[in-house]
Amino acid sequence: MDYQHLSTLLWREQELLDLLLFKAEEKQYLILTGKTRWLPRIAHEIEVVLDQLRSLEVERAAATEVLAAGLGVGANPSLRQLAEAAPAPWADLYGKHHEALLVLVSELRSLSDANRELIEGGLAAISDALLTVRAPSAGTYTQSGRASGNAYRPVTTVDGAM
């Protein structure tokens, strides 16, 4: 059984989740500073990391199944179950991987929720602002050149002078 291979995959998963956390913090910075020009780029970078995580997850699942079969653990075990069945020192190492992954996922969820709220709040503010803005009426002019309707009228002083 290849305990080391699974541990290496788990380290790689932690690195990718940490990178994803960094990218999510970058996204939050861009949102907060209004530098929306870079949002499509950071969204692409996040998608690249997510694709890498998906590929790694398939490889990790295969490695986990091989170890689970060798340890007599049921199919598709959790990392916690695998850690409980693995011999020393792997049991402790897998347990630490499990804890680290839980922390990273928790941080990612919190940051993702915060970013979503910031974006939704920004969209709501834009929508509210658009509702309060009315297009100015151009109005019309009479034959003598005087404004009629809602067209621009020069401001006059109290005595009628401009």
N, C-alpha and C. Protein backbone atom coordinates (compact mmCIF):
# COMPACT_ATOMS: atom_id res chain seq x y z
N MET A 1 0.85 -1.19 0.00
CA MET A 1 0.00 0.00 0.00
C MET A 1 0.89 1.24 0.00
N ASP A 2 0.44 2.25 -0.72
CA ASP A 2 1.24 3.45 -0.89
C ASP A 2 0.68 4.60 -0.05
N TYR A 3 1.04 4.59 1.21
CA TYR A 3 0.60 5.64 2.13
C TYR A 3 1.22 6.99 1.74
N GLN A 4 2.47 6.94 1.28
CA GLN A 4 3.18 8.17 0.92
C GLN A 4 2.49 8.88 -0.25
N HIS A 5 2.05 8.11 -1.23
CA HIS A 5 1.40 8.72 -2.40
C HIS A 5 0.16 9.50 -1.97
N LEU A 6 -0.67 8.91 -1.12
CA LEU A 6 -1.86 9.62 -0.65
C LEU A 6 -1.48 10.86 0.15
N SER A 7 -0.46 10.76 0.97
CA SER A 7 -0.02 11.92 1.74
C SER A 7 0.45 13.05 0.82
N THR A 8 1.17 12.68 -0.23
CA THR A 8 1.63 13.68 -1.19
C THR A 8 0.45 14.36 -1.87
N LEU A 9 -0.56 13.58 -2.23
CA LEU A 9 -1.77 14.16 -2.83
C LEU A 9 -2.48 15.10 -1.85
N LEU A 10 -2.51 14.73 -0.60
CA LEU A 10 -3.16 15.57 0.41
C LEU A 10 -2.39 16.88 0.62
N TRP A 11 -1.06 16.81 0.58
CA TRP A 11 -0.26 18.04 0.67
C TRP A 11 -0.55 18.94 -0.52
N ARG A 12 -0.63 18.34 -1.70
CA ARG A 12 -0.93 19.12 -2.91
C ARG A 12 -2.31 19.75 -2.83
N GLU A 13 -3.27 19.01 -2.28
CA GLU A 13 -4.62 19.56 -2.12
C GLU A 13 -4.61 20.76 -1.16
N GLN A 14 -3.85 20.65 -0.10
CA GLN A 14 -3.74 21.78 0.84
C GLN A 14 -3.13 23.00 0.15
N GLU A 15 -2.09 22.76 -0.66
CA GLU A 15 -1.46 23.87 -1.38
C GLU A 15 -2.45 24.54 -2.33
N LEU A 16 -3.23 23.74 -3.04
CA LEU A 16 -4.20 24.31 -3.97
C LEU A 16 -5.32 25.05 -3.24
N LEU A 17 -5.78 24.51 -2.12
CA LEU A 17 -6.80 25.21 -1.34
C LEU A 17 -6.26 26.51 -0.77
N ASP A 18 -5.00 26.50 -0.37
CA ASP A 18 -4.37 27.72 0.12
C ASP A 18 -4.27 28.76 -1.00
N LEU A 19 -3.92 28.31 -2.20
CA LEU A 19 -3.86 29.20 -3.35
C LEU A 19 -5.25 29.74 -3.68
N LEU A 20 -6.25 28.89 -3.58
CA LEU A 20 -7.62 29.32 -3.83
C LEU A 20 -8.05 30.37 -2.80
N LEU A 21 -7.65 30.17 -1.56
CA LEU A 21 -7.94 31.15 -0.51
C LEU A 21 -7.28 32.49 -0.84
N PHE A 22 -6.04 32.45 -1.29
CA PHE A 22 -5.33 33.66 -1.69
C PHE A 22 -6.07 34.37 -2.83
N LYS A 23 -6.49 33.60 -3.82
CA LYS A 23 -7.21 34.17 -4.97
C LYS A 23 -8.54 34.78 -4.52
N ALA A 24 -9.21 34.15 -3.58
CA ALA A 24 -10.47 34.69 -3.06
C ALA A 24 -10.22 36.00 -2.30
N GLU A 25 -9.11 36.07 -1.58
CA GLU A 25 -8.76 37.32 -0.89
C GLU A 25 -8.40 38.41 -1.89
N GLU A 26 -7.72 38.03 -2.97
CA GLU A 26 -7.44 39.00 -4.04
C GLU A 26 -8.75 39.53 -4.63
N LYS A 27 -9.68 38.63 -4.84
CA LYS A 27 -10.98 39.03 -5.40
C LYS A 27 -11.68 40.01 -4.46
N GLN A 28 -11.62 39.72 -3.17
CA GLN A 28 -12.24 40.61 -2.20
C GLN A 28 -11.59 41.99 -2.23
N TYR A 29 -10.28 42.02 -2.32
CA TYR A 29 -9.56 43.30 -2.42
C TYR A 29 -10.02 44.08 -3.64
N LEU A 30 -10.13 43.40 -4.77
CA LEU A 30 -10.56 44.06 -6.00
C LEU A 30 -11.98 44.61 -5.87
N ILE A 31 -12.84 43.86 -5.24
CA ILE A 31 -14.22 44.32 -5.04
C ILE A 31 -14.24 45.53 -4.13
N LEU A 32 -13.53 45.45 -3.01
CA LEU A 32 -13.54 46.54 -2.03
C LEU A 32 -12.92 47.83 -2.57
N THR A 33 -11.92 47.70 -3.42
CA THR A 33 -11.26 48.89 -3.95
C THR A 33 -11.90 49.38 -5.25
N GLY A 34 -12.88 48.64 -5.74
CA GLY A 34 -13.56 49.06 -6.96
C GLY A 34 -12.76 48.83 -8.23
N LYS A 35 -11.75 48.00 -8.16
CA LYS A 35 -10.91 47.72 -9.34
C LYS A 35 -11.53 46.56 -10.12
N THR A 36 -12.73 46.80 -10.61
CA THR A 36 -13.50 45.75 -11.27
C THR A 36 -12.90 45.31 -12.60
N ARG A 37 -12.01 46.10 -13.12
CA ARG A 37 -11.34 45.75 -14.38
C ARG A 37 -10.68 44.38 -14.30
N TRP A 38 -10.18 44.02 -13.11
CA TRP A 38 -9.43 42.78 -12.95
C TRP A 38 -10.29 41.60 -12.52
N LEU A 39 -11.57 41.80 -12.27
CA LEU A 39 -12.42 40.71 -11.80
C LEU A 39 -12.50 39.54 -12.80
N PRO A 40 -12.63 39.79 -14.11
CA PRO A 40 -12.64 38.64 -15.02
C PRO A 40 -11.33 37.83 -14.96
N ARG A 41 -10.23 38.51 -14.79
CA ARG A 41 -8.95 37.80 -14.73
C ARG A 41 -8.86 36.94 -13.47
N ILE A 42 -9.26 37.49 -12.33
CA ILE A 42 -9.19 36.71 -11.10
C ILE A 42 -10.19 35.56 -11.15
N ALA A 43 -11.34 35.78 -11.79
CA ALA A 43 -12.32 34.70 -11.93
C ALA A 43 -11.72 33.56 -12.75
N HIS A 44 -10.98 33.89 -13.79
CA HIS A 44 -10.31 32.87 -14.61
C HIS A 44 -9.26 32.12 -13.79
N GLU A 45 -8.47 32.86 -13.02
CA GLU A 45 -7.43 32.24 -12.20
C GLU A 45 -8.06 31.30 -11.17
N ILE A 46 -9.17 31.70 -10.59
CA ILE A 46 -9.87 30.84 -9.63
C ILE A 46 -10.36 29.58 -10.32
N GLU A 47 -10.89 29.72 -11.52
CA GLU A 47 -11.39 28.56 -12.26
C GLU A 47 -10.25 27.59 -12.58
N VAL A 48 -9.07 28.11 -12.89
CA VAL A 48 -7.91 27.24 -13.17
C VAL A 48 -7.56 26.42 -11.93
N VAL A 49 -7.54 27.07 -10.77
CA VAL A 49 -7.23 26.36 -9.53
C VAL A 49 -8.32 25.32 -9.24
N LEU A 50 -9.58 25.67 -9.46
CA LEU A 50 -10.67 24.72 -9.23
C LEU A 50 -10.55 23.51 -10.15
N ASP A 51 -10.15 23.73 -11.39
CA ASP A 51 -9.93 22.60 -12.32
C ASP A 51 -8.82 21.69 -11.81
N GLN A 52 -7.75 22.28 -11.31
CA GLN A 52 -6.65 21.48 -10.75
C GLN A 52 -7.13 20.68 -9.54
N LEU A 53 -7.96 21.31 -8.71
CA LEU A 53 -8.50 20.60 -7.54
C LEU A 53 -9.40 19.44 -7.96
N ARG A 54 -10.19 19.64 -9.00
CA ARG A 54 -11.07 18.56 -9.49
C ARG A 54 -10.24 17.38 -9.98
N SER A 55 -9.20 17.65 -10.71
CA SER A 55 -8.33 16.58 -11.21
C SER A 55 -7.65 15.85 -10.05
N LEU A 56 -7.17 16.62 -9.10
CA LEU A 56 -6.52 16.04 -7.93
C LEU A 56 -7.49 15.20 -7.12
N GLU A 57 -8.73 15.64 -7.03
CA GLU A 57 -9.73 14.90 -6.26
C GLU A 57 -9.97 13.52 -6.85
N VAL A 58 -9.96 13.41 -8.17
CA VAL A 58 -10.12 12.11 -8.82
C VAL A 58 -8.95 11.19 -8.47
N GLU A 59 -7.75 11.75 -8.53
CA GLU A 59 -6.55 10.96 -8.20
C GLU A 59 -6.55 10.57 -6.73
N ARG A 60 -6.96 11.50 -5.88
CA ARG A 60 -7.00 11.21 -4.44
C ARG A 60 -8.03 10.13 -4.13
N ALA A 61 -9.19 10.19 -4.79
CA ALA A 61 -10.23 9.18 -4.57
C ALA A 61 -9.73 7.80 -4.96
N ALA A 62 -9.00 7.71 -6.08
CA ALA A 62 -8.46 6.42 -6.51
C ALA A 62 -7.44 5.89 -5.51
N ALA A 63 -6.55 6.77 -5.05
CA ALA A 63 -5.54 6.35 -4.07
C ALA A 63 -6.19 5.94 -2.75
N THR A 64 -7.23 6.64 -2.37
CA THR A 64 -7.95 6.32 -1.13
C THR A 64 -8.62 4.95 -1.23
N GLU A 65 -9.21 4.66 -2.39
CA GLU A 65 -9.87 3.36 -2.58
C GLU A 65 -8.87 2.20 -2.46
N VAL A 66 -7.68 2.39 -3.03
CA VAL A 66 -6.66 1.34 -2.96
C VAL A 66 -6.27 1.10 -1.51
N LEU A 67 -6.03 2.18 -0.76
CA LEU A 67 -5.67 2.04 0.66
C LEU A 67 -6.82 1.46 1.47
N ALA A 68 -8.03 1.90 1.18
CA ALA A 68 -9.20 1.42 1.93
C ALA A 68 -9.37 -0.09 1.74
N ALA A 69 -9.17 -0.56 0.52
CA ALA A 69 -9.29 -2.00 0.26
C ALA A 69 -8.23 -2.77 1.04
N GLY A 70 -7.02 -2.24 1.07
CA GLY A 70 -5.93 -2.90 1.79
C GLY A 70 -6.11 -2.89 3.29
N LEU A 71 -6.79 -1.88 3.80
CA LEU A 71 -7.01 -1.76 5.25
C LEU A 71 -8.32 -2.40 5.69
N GLY A 72 -9.12 -2.84 4.72
CA GLY A 72 -10.39 -3.46 5.07
C GLY A 72 -11.46 -2.44 5.45
N VAL A 73 -11.26 -1.22 5.05
CA VAL A 73 -12.25 -0.17 5.31
C VAL A 73 -13.24 -0.20 4.14
N GLY A 74 -14.48 0.15 4.38
CA GLY A 74 -15.49 0.13 3.33
C GLY A 74 -15.14 1.04 2.17
N ALA A 75 -15.90 0.90 1.10
CA ALA A 75 -15.68 1.71 -0.10
C ALA A 75 -15.94 3.18 0.19
N ASN A 76 -15.18 4.03 -0.48
CA ASN A 76 -15.33 5.48 -0.39
C ASN A 76 -15.28 6.01 1.06
N PRO A 77 -14.23 5.68 1.79
CA PRO A 77 -14.14 6.13 3.18
C PRO A 77 -13.76 7.61 3.26
N SER A 78 -14.13 8.23 4.36
CA SER A 78 -13.69 9.61 4.60
C SER A 78 -12.22 9.57 5.00
N LEU A 79 -11.59 10.71 4.95
CA LEU A 79 -10.19 10.79 5.37
C LEU A 79 -10.06 10.45 6.85
N ARG A 80 -11.04 10.84 7.64
CA ARG A 80 -11.04 10.54 9.07
C ARG A 80 -11.09 9.02 9.28
N GLN A 81 -11.95 8.31 8.53
CA GLN A 81 -12.04 6.85 8.65
C GLN A 81 -10.73 6.19 8.23
N LEU A 82 -10.14 6.71 7.18
CA LEU A 82 -8.86 6.16 6.72
C LEU A 82 -7.78 6.39 7.77
N ALA A 83 -7.78 7.56 8.37
CA ALA A 83 -6.78 7.87 9.40
C ALA A 83 -6.93 6.93 10.61
N GLU A 84 -8.16 6.62 10.96
CA GLU A 84 -8.40 5.73 12.10
C GLU A 84 -7.94 4.30 11.83
N ALA A 85 -7.97 3.90 10.56
CA ALA A 85 -7.58 2.52 10.21
C ALA A 85 -6.11 2.38 9.84
N ALA A 86 -5.45 3.48 9.50
CA ALA A 86 -4.06 3.41 9.04
C ALA A 86 -3.10 3.15 10.20
N PRO A 87 -1.97 2.51 9.90
CA PRO A 87 -0.96 2.28 10.95
C PRO A 87 -0.17 3.57 11.22
N ALA A 88 0.54 3.58 12.35
CA ALA A 88 1.42 4.70 12.68
C ALA A 88 2.57 4.71 11.68
N PRO A 89 3.10 5.79 11.32
CA PRO A 89 2.77 7.18 11.67
C PRO A 89 1.70 7.79 10.77
N TRP A 90 1.18 6.99 9.81
CA TRP A 90 0.23 7.52 8.83
C TRP A 90 -1.09 7.95 9.45
N ALA A 91 -1.52 7.26 10.47
CA ALA A 91 -2.79 7.62 11.12
C ALA A 91 -2.73 9.06 11.62
N ASP A 92 -1.64 9.40 12.29
CA ASP A 92 -1.48 10.75 12.82
C ASP A 92 -1.35 11.78 11.69
N LEU A 93 -0.58 11.43 10.68
CA LEU A 93 -0.38 12.34 9.56
C LEU A 93 -1.69 12.58 8.80
N TYR A 94 -2.43 11.52 8.54
CA TYR A 94 -3.72 11.69 7.86
C TYR A 94 -4.70 12.49 8.71
N GLY A 95 -4.64 12.31 10.01
CA GLY A 95 -5.48 13.10 10.92
C GLY A 95 -5.14 14.58 10.83
N LYS A 96 -3.85 14.89 10.75
CA LYS A 96 -3.43 16.29 10.62
C LYS A 96 -3.83 16.86 9.26
N HIS A 97 -3.73 16.05 8.22
CA HIS A 97 -4.20 16.49 6.90
C HIS A 97 -5.69 16.83 6.97
N HIS A 98 -6.44 15.95 7.62
CA HIS A 98 -7.89 16.14 7.74
C HIS A 98 -8.20 17.47 8.43
N GLU A 99 -7.53 17.73 9.54
CA GLU A 99 -7.76 18.98 10.29
C GLU A 99 -7.39 20.21 9.45
N ALA A 100 -6.26 20.14 8.77
CA ALA A 100 -5.80 21.27 7.94
C ALA A 100 -6.78 21.53 6.80
N LEU A 101 -7.27 20.47 6.18
CA LEU A 101 -8.22 20.64 5.09
C LEU A 101 -9.54 21.25 5.58
N LEU A 102 -9.98 20.82 6.77
CA LEU A 102 -11.21 21.39 7.34
C LEU A 102 -11.06 22.89 7.59
N VAL A 103 -9.92 23.29 8.11
CA VAL A 103 -9.67 24.71 8.37
C VAL A 103 -9.69 25.51 7.07
N LEU A 104 -8.99 25.01 6.06
CA LEU A 104 -8.94 25.71 4.78
C LEU A 104 -10.32 25.82 4.13
N VAL A 105 -11.07 24.74 4.15
CA VAL A 105 -12.40 24.76 3.55
C VAL A 105 -13.32 25.73 4.31
N SER A 106 -13.21 25.75 5.62
CA SER A 106 -14.01 26.67 6.42
C SER A 106 -13.67 28.12 6.09
N GLU A 107 -12.40 28.43 5.99
CA GLU A 107 -11.97 29.78 5.63
C GLU A 107 -12.45 30.16 4.24
N LEU A 108 -12.38 29.22 3.32
CA LEU A 108 -12.84 29.48 1.95
C LEU A 108 -14.34 29.76 1.90
N ARG A 109 -15.11 28.99 2.65
CA ARG A 109 -16.56 29.21 2.69
C ARG A 109 -16.87 30.60 3.23
N SER A 110 -16.22 30.97 4.31
CA SER A 110 -16.47 32.29 4.91
C SER A 110 -16.12 33.41 3.95
N LEU A 111 -14.97 33.31 3.32
CA LEU A 111 -14.54 34.35 2.39
C LEU A 111 -15.42 34.38 1.15
N SER A 112 -15.80 33.22 0.67
CA SER A 112 -16.68 33.15 -0.49
C SER A 112 -18.03 33.80 -0.18
N ASP A 113 -18.57 33.52 1.00
CA ASP A 113 -19.84 34.13 1.42
C ASP A 113 -19.70 35.64 1.52
N ALA A 114 -18.60 36.10 2.09
CA ALA A 114 -18.37 37.54 2.23
C ALA A 114 -18.26 38.21 0.86
N ASN A 115 -17.55 37.58 -0.07
CA ASN A 115 -17.42 38.13 -1.42
C ASN A 115 -18.77 38.18 -2.12
N ARG A 116 -19.56 37.13 -1.95
CA ARG A 116 -20.88 37.10 -2.57
C ARG A 116 -21.74 38.24 -2.02
N GLU A 117 -21.69 38.46 -0.73
CA GLU A 117 -22.47 39.55 -0.12
C GLU A 117 -22.00 40.91 -0.62
N LEU A 118 -20.69 41.08 -0.77
CA LEU A 118 -20.17 42.34 -1.30
C LEU A 118 -20.67 42.59 -2.73
N ILE A 119 -20.62 41.56 -3.53
CA ILE A 119 -21.07 41.70 -4.92
C ILE A 119 -22.56 41.98 -4.97
N GLU A 120 -23.35 41.23 -4.20
CA GLU A 120 -24.80 41.45 -4.18
C GLU A 120 -25.13 42.85 -3.67
N GLY A 121 -24.40 43.30 -2.64
CA GLY A 121 -24.62 44.65 -2.12
C GLY A 121 -24.28 45.70 -3.15
N GLY A 122 -23.20 45.48 -3.88
CA GLY A 122 -22.81 46.43 -4.93
C GLY A 122 -23.84 46.47 -6.05
N LEU A 123 -24.35 45.31 -6.43
CA LEU A 123 -25.36 45.26 -7.48
C LEU A 123 -26.65 45.95 -7.02
N ALA A 124 -27.02 45.74 -5.76
CA ALA A 124 -28.23 46.39 -5.23
C ALA A 124 -28.05 47.90 -5.21
N ALA A 125 -26.86 48.37 -4.83
CA ALA A 125 -26.60 49.82 -4.80
C ALA A 125 -26.67 50.41 -6.21
N ILE A 126 -26.14 49.70 -7.18
CA ILE A 126 -26.20 50.18 -8.57
C ILE A 126 -27.65 50.24 -9.04
N SER A 127 -28.39 49.20 -8.72
CA SER A 127 -29.80 49.16 -9.12
C SER A 127 -30.57 50.31 -8.49
N ASP A 128 -30.35 50.56 -7.19
CA ASP A 128 -31.02 51.67 -6.51
C ASP A 128 -30.64 53.00 -7.14
N ALA A 129 -29.37 53.16 -7.45
CA ALA A 129 -28.91 54.41 -8.05
C ALA A 129 -29.54 54.62 -9.42
N LEU A 130 -29.66 53.56 -10.19
CA LEU A 130 -30.27 53.68 -11.51
C LEU A 130 -31.75 54.03 -11.42
N LEU A 131 -32.42 53.56 -10.39
CA LEU A 131 -33.83 53.87 -10.21
C LEU A 131 -34.06 55.33 -9.85
N THR A 132 -33.10 55.95 -9.17
CA THR A 132 -33.28 57.33 -8.75
C THR A 132 -32.87 58.33 -9.82
N VAL A 133 -32.13 57.88 -10.80
CA VAL A 133 -31.69 58.77 -11.87
C VAL A 133 -32.76 58.81 -12.95
N ARG A 134 -33.16 60.02 -13.31
CA ARG A 134 -34.11 60.18 -14.41
C ARG A 134 -33.39 60.85 -15.55
N ALA A 135 -33.72 60.44 -16.72
CA ALA A 135 -33.12 61.07 -17.90
C ALA A 135 -33.66 62.49 -18.02
N PRO A 136 -32.79 63.48 -18.21
CA PRO A 136 -33.27 64.85 -18.34
C PRO A 136 -34.06 65.01 -19.63
N SER A 137 -35.11 65.81 -19.55
CA SER A 137 -35.93 66.06 -20.73
C SER A 137 -35.28 67.19 -21.52
N ALA A 138 -35.17 67.00 -22.81
CA ALA A 138 -34.54 68.00 -23.66
C ALA A 138 -35.44 69.20 -23.87
N GLY A 139 -36.75 69.01 -23.79
CA GLY A 139 -37.66 70.12 -24.02
C GLY A 139 -37.61 70.58 -25.47
N THR A 140 -38.26 71.67 -25.76
CA THR A 140 -38.29 72.20 -27.12
C THR A 140 -38.11 73.70 -27.07
N TYR A 141 -37.91 74.28 -28.23
CA TYR A 141 -37.78 75.73 -28.35
C TYR A 141 -38.92 76.25 -29.22
N THR A 142 -39.36 77.47 -28.90
CA THR A 142 -40.40 78.11 -29.72
C THR A 142 -39.75 78.75 -30.93
N GLN A 143 -40.60 79.32 -31.83
CA GLN A 143 -40.07 79.96 -33.04
C GLN A 143 -39.17 81.14 -32.70
N SER A 144 -39.41 81.77 -31.57
CA SER A 144 -38.59 82.93 -31.19
C SER A 144 -37.27 82.51 -30.55
N GLY A 145 -37.07 81.18 -30.36
CA GLY A 145 -35.81 80.71 -29.77
C GLY A 145 -35.88 80.56 -28.27
N ARG A 146 -37.03 80.80 -27.69
CA ARG A 146 -37.18 80.64 -26.24
C ARG A 146 -37.48 79.18 -25.91
N ALA A 147 -37.01 78.79 -24.74
CA ALA A 147 -37.22 77.42 -24.30
C ALA A 147 -38.65 77.22 -23.83
N SER A 148 -39.17 76.05 -24.11
CA SER A 148 -40.47 75.67 -23.57
C SER A 148 -40.33 74.27 -22.99
N GLY A 149 -41.20 73.89 -22.12
CA GLY A 149 -41.11 72.56 -21.51
C GLY A 149 -40.02 72.54 -20.46
N ASN A 150 -39.27 71.40 -20.38
CA ASN A 150 -38.27 71.20 -19.34
C ASN A 150 -36.86 71.48 -19.81
N ALA A 151 -36.70 72.22 -20.86
CA ALA A 151 -35.36 72.49 -21.38
C ALA A 151 -34.59 73.38 -20.41
N TYR A 152 -33.33 73.47 -20.63
CA TYR A 152 -32.45 74.28 -19.78
C TYR A 152 -32.89 75.74 -19.82
N ARG A 153 -32.96 76.33 -18.66
CA ARG A 153 -33.26 77.75 -18.55
C ARG A 153 -32.15 78.39 -17.74
N PRO A 154 -31.63 79.51 -18.20
CA PRO A 154 -30.55 80.15 -17.45
C PRO A 154 -31.05 80.64 -16.10
N VAL A 155 -30.18 80.60 -15.14
CA VAL A 155 -30.50 81.05 -13.79
C VAL A 155 -30.43 82.59 -13.77
N THR A 156 -31.44 83.20 -13.21
CA THR A 156 -31.46 84.66 -13.11
C THR A 156 -31.37 85.07 -11.66
N THR A 157 -30.92 86.28 -11.44
CA THR A 157 -30.82 86.81 -10.09
C THR A 157 -32.17 87.36 -9.68
N VAL A 158 -32.25 87.89 -8.48
CA VAL A 158 -33.50 88.42 -7.95
C VAL A 158 -34.03 89.56 -8.81
N ASP A 159 -33.14 90.39 -9.36
CA ASP A 159 -33.61 91.54 -10.15
C ASP A 159 -33.84 91.17 -11.62
N GLY A 160 -33.71 89.89 -11.97
CA GLY A 160 -34.00 89.47 -13.33
C GLY A 160 -32.78 89.41 -14.23
N ALA A 161 -31.63 89.88 -13.78
CA ALA A 161 -30.41 89.86 -14.61
C ALA A 161 -29.79 88.47 -14.54
N MET A 162 -29.01 88.15 -15.57
CA MET A 162 -28.32 86.84 -15.58
C MET A 162 -26.97 86.90 -14.96
